[in-house]
Amino acid sequence: MITIQEYANERGCSRQAVYNMINKHHLPTENGISNGKAAQFLSNETVEKLNQLIRPTSKEVSTLSESLQIDLMNRESKLKDEALAAKDQTIKEIGETRAQMLERIEAVSSDFKKELVEIRSDYEARLSKQEATFLRQKSEDDDRIRSLESENAKLKSDLEAALTELESIKQHPWKSAYAIHKQNKADKEESENGTPSEGNKGSSK
């Protein structure tokens, strides 16, 4: 609630003009004390009705215009400040985003290098294992080849001896038959007596 004088000062009109409008439209007022003196007060409802009834004065229009200009300037200043703040925040976020992207790229690169080292180490280990297996297999194959060569040489020697004996039999068939008969007899005696025959003695030497 405000007094009639305060309302008149705000509207830029005389106190009498406010009284005239109150009396003309029978608007309610309330008695009270202001600054230690008796005064009449206007309720919010009465103020709203007076605002509709009393036309704005030139002073009120000027005051309102100045007030609107000040309010507009304040709003423009606030908008500029908000825009600058938003720009600064955007720049900060862009900087943070760029830093985060670089950090992420660095992390991905580091993980890739680590994985590459692990793959290379695993490959070298497998290659070394394969080389060791190959060398061991080669050594075994070499031993097998030497064994086969030795066996082949013995078979070749036995074959040559058999061929020589066959050639001798062809040249002296009766002599060879007697030698075979003598050897068979000696083998029989050995099996009966358990003593080696003369032929086997000589062979054992």
Protein backbone atom coordinates (compact mmCIF):
# COMPACT_ATOMS: atom_id res chain seq x y z
CA MET A 1 0.00 0.00 0.00
CA ILE A 2 1.12 3.55 -0.75
CA THR A 3 -0.17 6.99 0.19
CA ILE A 4 -2.04 9.26 -2.21
CA GLN A 5 0.92 11.66 -2.19
CA GLU A 6 3.35 8.87 -3.07
CA TYR A 7 1.12 7.71 -5.89
CA ALA A 8 0.82 11.28 -7.25
CA ASN A 9 4.63 11.66 -7.16
CA GLU A 10 5.09 8.41 -9.07
CA ARG A 11 2.51 9.37 -11.73
CA GLY A 12 3.82 12.92 -12.07
CA CYS A 13 0.43 14.51 -11.32
CA SER A 14 -1.01 16.56 -8.48
CA ARG A 15 -2.47 15.09 -5.33
CA GLN A 16 -5.74 16.91 -6.09
CA ALA A 17 -6.05 15.17 -9.46
CA VAL A 18 -5.79 11.82 -7.68
CA TYR A 19 -8.43 12.89 -5.14
CA ASN A 20 -10.76 14.05 -7.92
CA MET A 21 -10.53 10.69 -9.69
CA ILE A 22 -11.07 8.79 -6.40
CA ASN A 23 -14.18 10.85 -5.60
CA LYS A 24 -15.50 10.68 -9.15
CA HIS A 25 -15.34 6.87 -9.28
CA HIS A 26 -15.95 6.26 -5.57
CA LEU A 27 -12.70 4.35 -5.08
CA PRO A 28 -11.98 3.11 -1.57
CA THR A 29 -9.07 4.47 0.53
CA GLU A 30 -7.74 3.61 3.96
CA ASN A 31 -6.68 5.91 6.73
CA GLY A 32 -3.26 5.48 8.27
CA ILE A 33 -0.10 7.17 9.54
CA SER A 34 2.83 8.19 7.33
CA ASN A 35 5.91 9.94 8.76
CA GLY A 36 3.99 10.55 12.00
CA LYS A 37 1.07 12.26 10.24
CA ALA A 38 -2.42 11.14 9.26
CA ALA A 39 -2.64 10.08 5.62
CA GLN A 40 -4.84 8.16 3.24
CA PHE A 41 -3.53 4.93 1.69
CA LEU A 42 -4.41 3.24 -1.57
CA SER A 43 -4.82 -0.53 -1.84
CA ASN A 44 -3.33 -2.45 -4.75
CA GLU A 45 -6.76 -2.78 -6.34
CA THR A 46 -7.35 0.98 -6.14
CA VAL A 47 -3.89 1.67 -7.61
CA GLU A 48 -4.65 -0.60 -10.58
CA LYS A 49 -7.98 1.19 -11.23
CA LEU A 50 -6.32 4.61 -10.98
CA ASN A 51 -3.67 3.52 -13.46
CA GLN A 52 -6.43 2.72 -15.91
CA LEU A 53 -8.28 5.97 -15.31
CA ILE A 54 -5.48 8.52 -15.14
CA ARG A 55 -3.74 9.13 -18.44
CA PRO A 56 0.04 9.28 -18.36
CA THR A 57 1.39 12.81 -18.08
CA SER A 58 4.28 14.11 -20.16
CA LYS A 59 6.52 13.81 -17.11
CA GLU A 60 5.40 10.24 -16.56
CA VAL A 61 5.98 9.45 -20.23
CA SER A 62 9.45 11.01 -20.07
CA THR A 63 10.26 9.18 -16.83
CA LEU A 64 8.94 5.93 -18.27
CA SER A 65 10.95 6.46 -21.47
CA GLU A 66 14.10 7.10 -19.49
CA SER A 67 13.37 4.08 -17.34
CA LEU A 68 12.82 1.93 -20.42
CA GLN A 69 16.04 3.21 -21.99
CA ILE A 70 17.97 2.47 -18.82
CA ASP A 71 16.37 -0.96 -18.59
CA LEU A 72 17.15 -1.61 -22.27
CA MET A 73 20.77 -0.55 -21.80
CA ASN A 74 21.02 -2.77 -18.75
CA ARG A 75 19.57 -5.69 -20.68
CA GLU A 76 21.92 -5.07 -23.64
CA SER A 77 24.87 -4.93 -21.27
CA LYS A 78 23.70 -8.12 -19.58
CA LEU A 79 23.27 -9.84 -22.94
CA LYS A 80 26.76 -8.75 -24.02
CA ASP A 81 28.20 -10.06 -20.78
CA GLU A 82 26.34 -13.32 -21.22
CA ALA A 83 27.48 -13.57 -24.84
CA LEU A 84 31.11 -12.94 -23.83
CA ALA A 85 30.78 -15.46 -21.03
CA ALA A 86 29.26 -17.99 -23.44
CA LYS A 87 32.06 -17.32 -25.94
CA ASP A 88 34.70 -17.78 -23.25
CA GLN A 89 32.99 -20.97 -22.09
CA THR A 90 32.83 -22.24 -25.67
CA ILE A 91 36.52 -21.49 -26.22
CA LYS A 92 37.32 -23.24 -22.94
CA GLU A 93 35.22 -26.26 -23.91
CA ILE A 94 36.84 -26.38 -27.36
CA GLY A 95 40.26 -26.24 -25.70
CA GLU A 96 39.29 -28.99 -23.26
CA THR A 97 37.79 -31.08 -26.07
CA ARG A 98 40.94 -30.66 -28.17
CA ALA A 99 43.11 -31.63 -25.21
CA GLN A 100 40.90 -34.66 -24.55
CA MET A 101 41.08 -35.68 -28.22
CA LEU A 102 44.87 -35.36 -28.23
CA GLU A 103 45.06 -37.35 -25.01
CA ARG A 104 42.81 -40.03 -26.48
CA ILE A 105 44.86 -40.17 -29.69
CA GLU A 106 48.04 -40.50 -27.64
CA ALA A 107 46.48 -43.31 -25.60
CA VAL A 108 45.35 -45.16 -28.75
CA SER A 109 48.81 -44.71 -30.29
CA SER A 110 50.47 -46.00 -27.13
CA ASP A 111 48.18 -49.04 -27.02
CA PHE A 112 48.89 -49.73 -30.70
CA LYS A 113 52.66 -49.54 -30.18
CA LYS A 114 52.40 -51.83 -27.15
CA GLU A 115 50.31 -54.35 -29.08
CA LEU A 116 52.75 -54.17 -32.01
CA VAL A 117 55.69 -54.92 -29.69
CA GLU A 118 53.82 -57.88 -28.18
CA ILE A 119 52.94 -59.25 -31.63
CA ARG A 120 56.54 -58.83 -32.81
CA SER A 121 57.92 -60.51 -29.67
CA ASP A 122 55.47 -63.39 -30.04
CA TYR A 123 56.38 -63.76 -33.71
CA GLU A 124 60.12 -63.77 -32.94
CA ALA A 125 59.58 -66.33 -30.17
CA ARG A 126 57.56 -68.57 -32.47
CA LEU A 127 60.13 -68.14 -35.23
CA SER A 128 62.96 -69.03 -32.84
CA LYS A 129 61.01 -72.10 -31.69
CA GLN A 130 60.41 -73.14 -35.28
CA GLU A 131 64.10 -72.67 -36.09
CA ALA A 132 65.08 -74.83 -33.10
CA THR A 133 62.56 -77.49 -34.18
CA PHE A 134 63.89 -77.33 -37.74
CA LEU A 135 67.52 -77.68 -36.59
CA ARG A 136 66.61 -80.62 -34.34
CA GLN A 137 64.67 -82.27 -37.15
CA LYS A 138 67.57 -81.65 -39.53
CA SER A 139 70.00 -83.26 -37.07
CA GLU A 140 67.73 -86.29 -36.73
CA ASP A 141 67.39 -86.52 -40.50
CA ASP A 142 71.17 -86.31 -40.89
CA ASP A 143 71.61 -89.14 -38.39
CA ARG A 144 69.01 -91.20 -40.21
CA ILE A 145 70.69 -90.54 -43.53
CA ARG A 146 74.10 -91.59 -42.15
CA SER A 147 72.53 -94.74 -40.70
CA LEU A 148 70.88 -95.56 -44.03
CA GLU A 149 74.13 -94.88 -45.87
CA SER A 150 76.00 -97.22 -43.48
CA GLU A 151 73.33 -99.88 -43.87
CA ASN A 152 73.39 -99.44 -47.62
CA ALA A 153 77.19 -99.81 -47.65
CA LYS A 154 76.92 -103.04 -45.60
CA LEU A 155 74.24 -104.42 -47.90
CA LYS A 156 76.39 -103.50 -50.86
CA SER A 157 79.38 -105.28 -49.28
CA ASP A 158 77.27 -108.35 -48.48
CA LEU A 159 75.95 -108.34 -52.01
CA GLU A 160 79.45 -108.16 -53.45
CA ALA A 161 80.53 -111.06 -51.17
CA ALA A 162 77.49 -113.08 -52.24
CA LEU A 163 78.28 -112.38 -55.89
CA THR A 164 81.89 -113.43 -55.35
CA GLU A 165 80.78 -116.64 -53.66
CA LEU A 166 78.29 -117.31 -56.43
CA GLU A 167 81.00 -116.84 -59.00
CA SER A 168 83.22 -119.28 -57.09
CA ILE A 169 80.43 -121.85 -56.99
CA LYS A 170 79.98 -121.50 -60.70
CA GLN A 171 83.72 -122.17 -61.26
CA HIS A 172 84.05 -125.08 -58.74
CA PRO A 173 80.63 -126.58 -58.19
CA TRP A 174 81.93 -129.89 -56.63
CA LYS A 175 84.28 -128.13 -54.29
CA SER A 176 81.60 -125.75 -53.20
CA ALA A 177 79.15 -128.61 -52.61
CA TYR A 178 81.74 -130.41 -50.44
CA ALA A 179 82.40 -127.23 -48.47
CA ILE A 180 78.70 -126.78 -47.91
CA HIS A 181 78.31 -130.41 -46.83
CA LYS A 182 81.30 -130.06 -44.47
CA GLN A 183 79.86 -126.90 -42.98
CA ASN A 184 76.45 -128.48 -42.49
CA LYS A 185 78.05 -131.48 -40.74
CA ALA A 186 80.05 -129.19 -38.46
CA ASP A 187 76.94 -127.22 -37.59
CA LYS A 188 75.13 -130.47 -36.72
CA GLU A 189 77.99 -131.62 -34.44
CA GLU A 190 78.04 -128.25 -32.75
CA SER A 191 74.35 -128.45 -32.03
CA GLU A 192 74.75 -132.00 -30.61
CA ASN A 193 77.93 -131.49 -28.56
CA GLY A 194 77.58 -127.80 -27.79
CA THR A 195 81.14 -127.12 -29.05
CA PRO A 196 81.96 -124.84 -31.95
CA SER A 197 83.00 -126.48 -35.19
CA GLU A 198 86.37 -125.90 -36.85
CA GLY A 199 84.75 -123.68 -39.39
CA ASN A 200 83.04 -121.62 -36.76
CA LYS A 201 86.25 -121.43 -34.72
CA GLY A 202 87.99 -119.94 -37.62
CA SER A 203 85.12 -117.59 -38.24
CA SER A 204 85.02 -116.55 -34.60
CA LYS A 205 88.65 -115.58 -34.80
